[in-house]
């Protein structure tokens, strides 16, 4: 258990450092082009996220996301006591990753973001982004294609940076971590609770979709209804 908690902490820290650090770099490399900044941030995340998952998947499942842990437990794949240990590690890891990213770029280690993001369209976008993420993860896993999950998650999140108005946080832990960096990837503390609520709703919507499309785990190539 200690090893698994450590994996969730370190994986989450690396995720936050990846997202926030690449956002800072993008802001400095392309200071006058917000679209290019977002592309650079999304590209780095889409490349780095699968690597983080591959490194830690055999240890803890590489959730690095409280919603993924909650959905896994709701579907019977993880004990609830594991989730109770994973979630604090994920949140602490993302805060630590924010501190690391800030420090690497010569910024104050902790600085609350001033970027307001919450409004009704973004609330809806976070529901969609999070539901889509858990659908990708668990439908692939439950239909015998778990080996492609890291790459599928990276591709989905990279695309969701652009097709959602919220730029697809889809993760309560990273939402909390991003509060502590007043940079391109930051989110104001006042906006974070709405994002987290939307993500939890998205996780619940995702569970319903998973149970519809993949009601039971199947071997690769079998239909989900067993036919």
C-alpha atoms as a PDB file:
ATOM      1  CA  UNK A   1       0.000   0.000   0.000  1.00  0.00           C
ATOM      2  CA  UNK A   2       2.814   2.427   0.837  1.00  0.00           C
ATOM      3  CA  UNK A   3       4.362   1.812  -2.570  1.00  0.00           C
ATOM      4  CA  UNK A   4       1.031   2.392  -4.308  1.00  0.00           C
ATOM      5  CA  UNK A   5       0.366   5.624  -2.413  1.00  0.00           C
ATOM      6  CA  UNK A   6       3.866   6.815  -3.259  1.00  0.00           C
ATOM      7  CA  UNK A   7       3.237   6.016  -6.929  1.00  0.00           C
ATOM      8  CA  UNK A   8       0.026   8.041  -6.917  1.00  0.00           C
ATOM      9  CA  UNK A   9       1.773  10.941  -5.191  1.00  0.00           C
ATOM     10  CA  UNK A  10       4.758  10.990  -7.543  1.00  0.00           C
ATOM     11  CA  UNK A  11       2.654  10.379 -10.662  1.00  0.00           C
ATOM     12  CA  UNK A  12       0.356  13.247  -9.703  1.00  0.00           C
ATOM     13  CA  UNK A  13       3.324  15.512  -8.974  1.00  0.00           C
ATOM     14  CA  UNK A  14       4.817  14.749 -12.380  1.00  0.00           C
ATOM     15  CA  UNK A  15       1.438  15.378 -14.030  1.00  0.00           C
ATOM     16  CA  UNK A  16       1.093  18.792 -12.381  1.00  0.00           C
ATOM     17  CA  UNK A  17       4.685  19.695 -13.207  1.00  0.00           C
ATOM     18  CA  UNK A  18       4.055  18.626 -16.811  1.00  0.00           C
ATOM     19  CA  UNK A  19       0.859  20.632 -17.245  1.00  0.00           C
ATOM     20  CA  UNK A  20       1.944  23.748 -15.377  1.00  0.00           C
ATOM     21  CA  UNK A  21       5.569  23.703 -16.518  1.00  0.00           C
ATOM     22  CA  UNK A  22       4.672  23.346 -20.180  1.00  0.00           C
ATOM     23  CA  UNK A  23       2.137  26.141 -19.727  1.00  0.00           C
ATOM     24  CA  UNK A  24       4.811  28.445 -18.327  1.00  0.00           C
ATOM     25  CA  UNK A  25       7.214  27.520 -21.126  1.00  0.00           C
ATOM     26  CA  UNK A  26       4.502  28.124 -23.730  1.00  0.00           C
ATOM     27  CA  UNK A  27       3.711  31.510 -22.235  1.00  0.00           C
ATOM     28  CA  UNK A  28       7.369  32.513 -22.470  1.00  0.00           C
ATOM     29  CA  UNK A  29       8.027  31.029 -25.911  1.00  0.00           C
ATOM     30  CA  UNK A  30       4.918  32.504 -27.538  1.00  0.00           C
ATOM     31  CA  UNK A  31       4.027  35.556 -25.442  1.00  0.00           C
ATOM     32  CA  UNK A  32       1.711  37.160 -27.985  1.00  0.00           C
ATOM     33  CA  UNK A  33      -0.162  34.104 -29.323  1.00  0.00           C
ATOM     34  CA  UNK A  34      -2.621  32.457 -26.930  1.00  0.00           C
ATOM     35  CA  UNK A  35      -3.628  29.829 -29.474  1.00  0.00           C
ATOM     36  CA  UNK A  36      -0.040  28.726 -29.918  1.00  0.00           C
ATOM     37  CA  UNK A  37       0.437  28.691 -26.147  1.00  0.00           C
ATOM     38  CA  UNK A  38      -2.510  26.325 -25.806  1.00  0.00           C
ATOM     39  CA  UNK A  39      -1.210  24.126 -28.622  1.00  0.00           C
ATOM     40  CA  UNK A  40       2.208  23.851 -26.983  1.00  0.00           C
ATOM     41  CA  UNK A  41       0.647  23.094 -23.602  1.00  0.00           C
ATOM     42  CA  UNK A  42      -1.678  20.473 -25.088  1.00  0.00           C
ATOM     43  CA  UNK A  43       1.076  18.850 -27.160  1.00  0.00           C
ATOM     44  CA  UNK A  44       3.374  18.454 -24.154  1.00  0.00           C
ATOM     45  CA  UNK A  45       0.543  17.044 -22.038  1.00  0.00           C
ATOM     46  CA  UNK A  46      -0.545  14.601 -24.744  1.00  0.00           C
ATOM     47  CA  UNK A  47       3.024  13.288 -25.010  1.00  0.00           C
ATOM     48  CA  UNK A  48       3.892  13.219 -21.319  1.00  0.00           C
ATOM     49  CA  UNK A  49       0.692  11.824 -19.819  1.00  0.00           C
ATOM     50  CA  UNK A  50       0.983   8.364 -21.445  1.00  0.00           C
ATOM     51  CA  UNK A  51       4.559   8.089 -20.168  1.00  0.00           C
ATOM     52  CA  UNK A  52       3.463   8.828 -16.589  1.00  0.00           C
ATOM     53  CA  UNK A  53       0.716   6.217 -16.865  1.00  0.00           C
ATOM     54  CA  UNK A  54       3.081   3.594 -18.292  1.00  0.00           C
ATOM     55  CA  UNK A  55       5.623   4.147 -15.505  1.00  0.00           C
ATOM     56  CA  UNK A  56       3.164   3.724 -12.645  1.00  0.00           C
ATOM     57  CA  UNK A  57       0.352   1.559 -14.017  1.00  0.00           C
ATOM     58  CA  UNK A  58       1.866  -1.696 -12.760  1.00  0.00           C
ATOM     59  CA  UNK A  59       2.308  -0.239  -9.266  1.00  0.00           C
ATOM     60  CA  UNK A  60      -0.913   1.598  -8.448  1.00  0.00           C
ATOM     61  CA  UNK A  61      -2.959   1.598 -11.643  1.00  0.00           C
ATOM     62  CA  UNK A  62      -1.634   5.111 -12.384  1.00  0.00           C
ATOM     63  CA  UNK A  63      -4.934   6.810 -11.640  1.00  0.00           C
ATOM     64  CA  UNK A  64      -3.374  10.212 -10.756  1.00  0.00           C
ATOM     65  CA  UNK A  65      -6.974  11.459 -10.707  1.00  0.00           C
ATOM     66  CA  UNK A  66      -9.545  11.163  -7.878  1.00  0.00           C
ATOM     67  CA  UNK A  67     -12.407  10.706 -10.341  1.00  0.00           C
ATOM     68  CA  UNK A  68     -10.679   7.710 -11.940  1.00  0.00           C
ATOM     69  CA  UNK A  69     -10.132   6.202  -8.494  1.00  0.00           C
ATOM     70  CA  UNK A  70     -13.760   6.795  -7.496  1.00  0.00           C
ATOM     71  CA  UNK A  71     -15.078   5.297 -10.730  1.00  0.00           C
ATOM     72  CA  UNK A  72     -12.782   2.286 -10.388  1.00  0.00           C
ATOM     73  CA  UNK A  73     -14.185   1.626  -6.903  1.00  0.00           C
ATOM     74  CA  UNK A  74     -17.771   2.187  -8.049  1.00  0.00           C
ATOM     75  CA  UNK A  75     -17.263  -0.438 -10.765  1.00  0.00           C
ATOM     76  CA  UNK A  76     -15.768  -2.912  -8.302  1.00  0.00           C
ATOM     77  CA  UNK A  77     -12.190  -2.717  -9.523  1.00  0.00           C
ATOM     78  CA  UNK A  78     -10.706  -1.037  -6.461  1.00  0.00           C
ATOM     79  CA  UNK A  79     -11.401  -1.162  -2.714  1.00  0.00           C
ATOM     80  CA  UNK A  80     -12.868   1.997  -1.215  1.00  0.00           C
ATOM     81  CA  UNK A  81     -10.129   2.058   1.414  1.00  0.00           C
ATOM     82  CA  UNK A  82      -7.624   2.315  -1.449  1.00  0.00           C
ATOM     83  CA  UNK A  83      -9.498   5.333  -2.781  1.00  0.00           C
ATOM     84  CA  UNK A  84      -9.414   6.921   0.673  1.00  0.00           C
ATOM     85  CA  UNK A  85      -5.616   6.633   0.570  1.00  0.00           C
ATOM     86  CA  UNK A  86      -5.176   7.513  -3.112  1.00  0.00           C
ATOM     87  CA  UNK A  87      -7.115  10.792  -3.182  1.00  0.00           C
ATOM     88  CA  UNK A  88      -5.064  12.696  -0.568  1.00  0.00           C
ATOM     89  CA  UNK A  89      -1.866  11.459  -2.229  1.00  0.00           C
ATOM     90  CA  UNK A  90      -3.096  12.677  -5.617  1.00  0.00           C
ATOM     91  CA  UNK A  91      -4.050  16.109  -4.286  1.00  0.00           C
ATOM     92  CA  UNK A  92      -0.795  16.505  -2.344  1.00  0.00           C
ATOM     93  CA  UNK A  93       1.166  15.346  -5.375  1.00  0.00           C
ATOM     94  CA  UNK A  94      -0.455  17.905  -7.652  1.00  0.00           C
ATOM     95  CA  UNK A  95       0.230  20.718  -5.187  1.00  0.00           C
ATOM     96  CA  UNK A  96       3.829  19.537  -4.945  1.00  0.00           C
ATOM     97  CA  UNK A  97       4.068  19.421  -8.727  1.00  0.00           C
ATOM     98  CA  UNK A  98       2.816  22.996  -8.947  1.00  0.00           C
ATOM     99  CA  UNK A  99       5.502  24.098  -6.496  1.00  0.00           C
ATOM    100  CA  UNK A 100       8.105  22.213  -8.524  1.00  0.00           C
ATOM    101  CA  UNK A 101       7.002  23.776 -11.818  1.00  0.00           C
ATOM    102  CA  UNK A 102       6.969  27.281 -10.346  1.00  0.00           C
ATOM    103  CA  UNK A 103      10.430  26.789  -8.875  1.00  0.00           C
ATOM    104  CA  UNK A 104      11.934  25.350 -12.067  1.00  0.00           C
ATOM    105  CA  UNK A 105      10.968  28.529 -13.921  1.00  0.00           C
ATOM    106  CA  UNK A 106      12.186  30.930 -11.246  1.00  0.00           C
ATOM    107  CA  UNK A 107       8.738  31.918  -9.984  1.00  0.00           C
ATOM    108  CA  UNK A 108       7.496  32.089  -6.390  1.00  0.00           C
ATOM    109  CA  UNK A 109       7.062  28.530  -5.133  1.00  0.00           C
ATOM    110  CA  UNK A 110       3.417  29.175  -4.218  1.00  0.00           C
ATOM    111  CA  UNK A 111       1.314  31.880  -5.844  1.00  0.00           C
ATOM    112  CA  UNK A 112      -2.465  31.766  -5.981  1.00  0.00           C
ATOM    113  CA  UNK A 113      -3.768  32.046  -9.530  1.00  0.00           C
ATOM    114  CA  UNK A 114      -5.854  35.050 -10.544  1.00  0.00           C
ATOM    115  CA  UNK A 115      -7.307  33.348 -13.646  1.00  0.00           C
ATOM    116  CA  UNK A 116     -11.094  33.160 -13.315  1.00  0.00           C
ATOM    117  CA  UNK A 117     -12.474  30.267 -15.342  1.00  0.00           C
ATOM    118  CA  UNK A 118     -15.893  29.323 -13.978  1.00  0.00           C
ATOM    119  CA  UNK A 119     -19.039  30.064 -15.984  1.00  0.00           C
ATOM    120  CA  UNK A 120     -21.934  27.859 -17.192  1.00  0.00           C
ATOM    121  CA  UNK A 121     -20.326  26.862 -20.522  1.00  0.00           C
ATOM    122  CA  UNK A 122     -17.119  25.779 -18.785  1.00  0.00           C
ATOM    123  CA  UNK A 123     -19.080  23.941 -16.093  1.00  0.00           C
ATOM    124  CA  UNK A 124     -20.761  21.919 -18.848  1.00  0.00           C
ATOM    125  CA  UNK A 125     -17.422  21.457 -20.602  1.00  0.00           C
ATOM    126  CA  UNK A 126     -15.855  19.934 -17.480  1.00  0.00           C
ATOM    127  CA  UNK A 127     -18.745  17.485 -17.156  1.00  0.00           C
ATOM    128  CA  UNK A 128     -18.236  16.406 -20.766  1.00  0.00           C
ATOM    129  CA  UNK A 129     -14.449  16.303 -20.511  1.00  0.00           C
ATOM    130  CA  UNK A 130     -14.485  14.159 -17.370  1.00  0.00           C
ATOM    131  CA  UNK A 131     -17.237  11.818 -18.557  1.00  0.00           C
ATOM    132  CA  UNK A 132     -15.330  11.310 -21.789  1.00  0.00           C
ATOM    133  CA  UNK A 133     -12.091  10.588 -19.957  1.00  0.00           C
ATOM    134  CA  UNK A 134     -13.535   7.877 -17.734  1.00  0.00           C
ATOM    135  CA  UNK A 135     -15.405   6.425 -20.710  1.00  0.00           C
ATOM    136  CA  UNK A 136     -12.137   6.118 -22.643  1.00  0.00           C
ATOM    137  CA  UNK A 137     -10.280   4.559 -19.705  1.00  0.00           C
ATOM    138  CA  UNK A 138     -12.837   2.020 -18.551  1.00  0.00           C
ATOM    139  CA  UNK A 139     -14.494   0.955 -21.790  1.00  0.00           C
ATOM    140  CA  UNK A 140     -11.083   0.163 -23.244  1.00  0.00           C
ATOM    141  CA  UNK A 141     -10.023  -1.641 -20.062  1.00  0.00           C
ATOM    142  CA  UNK A 142     -13.295  -3.599 -19.776  1.00  0.00           C
ATOM    143  CA  UNK A 143     -13.149  -4.724 -23.405  1.00  0.00           C
ATOM    144  CA  UNK A 144      -9.663  -6.195 -23.215  1.00  0.00           C
ATOM    145  CA  UNK A 145      -7.749  -3.253 -24.679  1.00  0.00           C
ATOM    146  CA  UNK A 146      -6.052  -1.969 -21.546  1.00  0.00           C
ATOM    147  CA  UNK A 147      -2.676  -1.829 -23.281  1.00  0.00           C
ATOM    148  CA  UNK A 148      -3.775   1.129 -25.399  1.00  0.00           C
ATOM    149  CA  UNK A 149      -5.278   3.127 -22.516  1.00  0.00           C
ATOM    150  CA  UNK A 150      -2.165   5.310 -21.902  1.00  0.00           C
ATOM    151  CA  UNK A 151      -2.003   6.418 -25.528  1.00  0.00           C
ATOM    152  CA  UNK A 152      -5.763   6.845 -25.802  1.00  0.00           C
ATOM    153  CA  UNK A 153      -5.852   8.987 -22.656  1.00  0.00           C
ATOM    154  CA  UNK A 154      -3.029  11.190 -23.930  1.00  0.00           C
ATOM    155  CA  UNK A 155      -4.730  11.630 -27.291  1.00  0.00           C
ATOM    156  CA  UNK A 156      -8.108  12.355 -25.692  1.00  0.00           C
ATOM    157  CA  UNK A 157      -6.772  14.950 -23.248  1.00  0.00           C
ATOM    158  CA  UNK A 158      -4.687  16.597 -25.976  1.00  0.00           C
ATOM    159  CA  UNK A 159      -7.776  16.913 -28.159  1.00  0.00           C
ATOM    160  CA  UNK A 160      -9.999  17.999 -25.266  1.00  0.00           C
ATOM    161  CA  UNK A 161      -7.744  21.007 -24.636  1.00  0.00           C
ATOM    162  CA  UNK A 162      -9.324  22.338 -27.833  1.00  0.00           C
ATOM    163  CA  UNK A 163     -12.796  20.838 -28.129  1.00  0.00           C
ATOM    164  CA  UNK A 164     -13.859  21.889 -24.610  1.00  0.00           C
ATOM    165  CA  UNK A 165     -14.208  25.504 -23.536  1.00  0.00           C
ATOM    166  CA  UNK A 166     -12.596  24.680 -20.179  1.00  0.00           C
ATOM    167  CA  UNK A 167      -9.445  23.223 -21.801  1.00  0.00           C
ATOM    168  CA  UNK A 168     -10.269  19.936 -20.081  1.00  0.00           C
ATOM    169  CA  UNK A 169      -8.932  19.831 -16.540  1.00  0.00           C
ATOM    170  CA  UNK A 170     -11.036  16.649 -15.956  1.00  0.00           C
ATOM    171  CA  UNK A 171      -9.242  15.988 -12.648  1.00  0.00           C
ATOM    172  CA  UNK A 172     -10.024  17.428  -9.189  1.00  0.00           C
ATOM    173  CA  UNK A 173      -6.447  16.953  -7.958  1.00  0.00           C
ATOM    174  CA  UNK A 174      -4.874  18.854 -10.849  1.00  0.00           C
ATOM    175  CA  UNK A 175      -7.565  21.527 -10.450  1.00  0.00           C
ATOM    176  CA  UNK A 176      -6.472  22.059  -6.855  1.00  0.00           C
ATOM    177  CA  UNK A 177      -2.796  21.972  -7.816  1.00  0.00           C
ATOM    178  CA  UNK A 178      -3.268  24.553 -10.558  1.00  0.00           C
ATOM    179  CA  UNK A 179      -4.677  26.999  -7.992  1.00  0.00           C
ATOM    180  CA  UNK A 180      -1.128  27.441  -6.693  1.00  0.00           C
ATOM    181  CA  UNK A 181       0.466  28.718  -9.900  1.00  0.00           C
ATOM    182  CA  UNK A 182      -0.411  32.175 -11.207  1.00  0.00           C
ATOM    183  CA  UNK A 183       0.551  31.230 -14.744  1.00  0.00           C
ATOM    184  CA  UNK A 184      -0.990  30.152 -18.048  1.00  0.00           C
ATOM    185  CA  UNK A 185      -2.366  26.882 -16.621  1.00  0.00           C
ATOM    186  CA  UNK A 186      -3.608  28.348 -13.334  1.00  0.00           C
ATOM    187  CA  UNK A 187      -7.139  28.581 -12.014  1.00  0.00           C
ATOM    188  CA  UNK A 188      -8.385  31.054  -9.416  1.00  0.00           C
ATOM    189  CA  UNK A 189      -9.421  29.496  -6.080  1.00  0.00           C
ATOM    190  CA  UNK A 190     -12.934  30.888  -6.534  1.00  0.00           C
ATOM    191  CA  UNK A 191     -13.305  28.927  -9.796  1.00  0.00           C
ATOM    192  CA  UNK A 192     -11.922  25.619  -8.508  1.00  0.00           C
ATOM    193  CA  UNK A 193     -14.969  24.367  -6.515  1.00  0.00           C
ATOM    194  CA  UNK A 194     -17.219  24.663  -9.579  1.00  0.00           C
ATOM    195  CA  UNK A 195     -14.702  22.750 -11.678  1.00  0.00           C
ATOM    196  CA  UNK A 196     -14.417  19.994  -9.054  1.00  0.00           C
ATOM    197  CA  UNK A 197     -18.210  19.692  -8.795  1.00  0.00           C
ATOM    198  CA  UNK A 198     -18.510  19.449 -12.581  1.00  0.00           C
ATOM    199  CA  UNK A 199     -15.796  16.780 -12.643  1.00  0.00           C
ATOM    200  CA  UNK A 200     -17.594  14.684 -10.023  1.00  0.00           C
ATOM    201  CA  UNK A 201     -20.830  14.980 -11.987  1.00  0.00           C
ATOM    202  CA  UNK A 202     -18.917  13.999 -15.120  1.00  0.00           C
ATOM    203  CA  UNK A 203     -17.556  10.942 -13.330  1.00  0.00           C
ATOM    204  CA  UNK A 204     -21.093   9.862 -12.418  1.00  0.00           C
ATOM    205  CA  UNK A 205     -22.275  10.415 -15.994  1.00  0.00           C
ATOM    206  CA  UNK A 206     -19.265   8.424 -17.175  1.00  0.00           C
ATOM    207  CA  UNK A 207     -20.193   5.482 -14.940  1.00  0.00           C
ATOM    208  CA  UNK A 208     -23.661   5.342 -16.508  1.00  0.00           C
ATOM    209  CA  UNK A 209     -22.136   5.413 -19.984  1.00  0.00           C
ATOM    210  CA  UNK A 210     -19.618   2.693 -19.081  1.00  0.00           C
ATOM    211  CA  UNK A 211     -22.353   0.420 -17.743  1.00  0.00           C
ATOM    212  CA  UNK A 212     -24.291   0.953 -20.960  1.00  0.00           C
ATOM    213  CA  UNK A 213     -21.465   0.354 -23.427  1.00  0.00           C
ATOM    214  CA  UNK A 214     -19.436  -2.186 -21.429  1.00  0.00           C
ATOM    215  CA  UNK A 215     -21.691  -3.621 -18.716  1.00  0.00           C
ATOM    216  CA  UNK A 216     -19.237  -6.408 -17.897  1.00  0.00           C
ATOM    217  CA  UNK A 217     -15.528  -6.989 -18.549  1.00  0.00           C
ATOM    218  CA  UNK A 218     -14.967  -8.992 -21.714  1.00  0.00           C
ATOM    219  CA  UNK A 219     -12.066 -10.627 -23.481  1.00  0.00           C
ATOM    220  CA  UNK A 220     -10.640  -8.741 -26.427  1.00  0.00           C
ATOM    221  CA  UNK A 221     -12.741  -9.121 -29.514  1.00  0.00           C
ATOM    222  CA  UNK A 222     -15.929 -10.268 -27.742  1.00  0.00           C
ATOM    223  CA  UNK A 223     -19.072  -8.223 -27.886  1.00  0.00           C
ATOM    224  CA  UNK A 224     -19.947  -6.548 -24.597  1.00  0.00           C
ATOM    225  CA  UNK A 225     -23.257  -8.428 -24.486  1.00  0.00           C
ATOM    226  CA  UNK A 226     -21.394 -11.750 -24.706  1.00  0.00           C
ATOM    227  CA  UNK A 227     -22.676 -12.620 -28.173  1.00  0.00           C
END
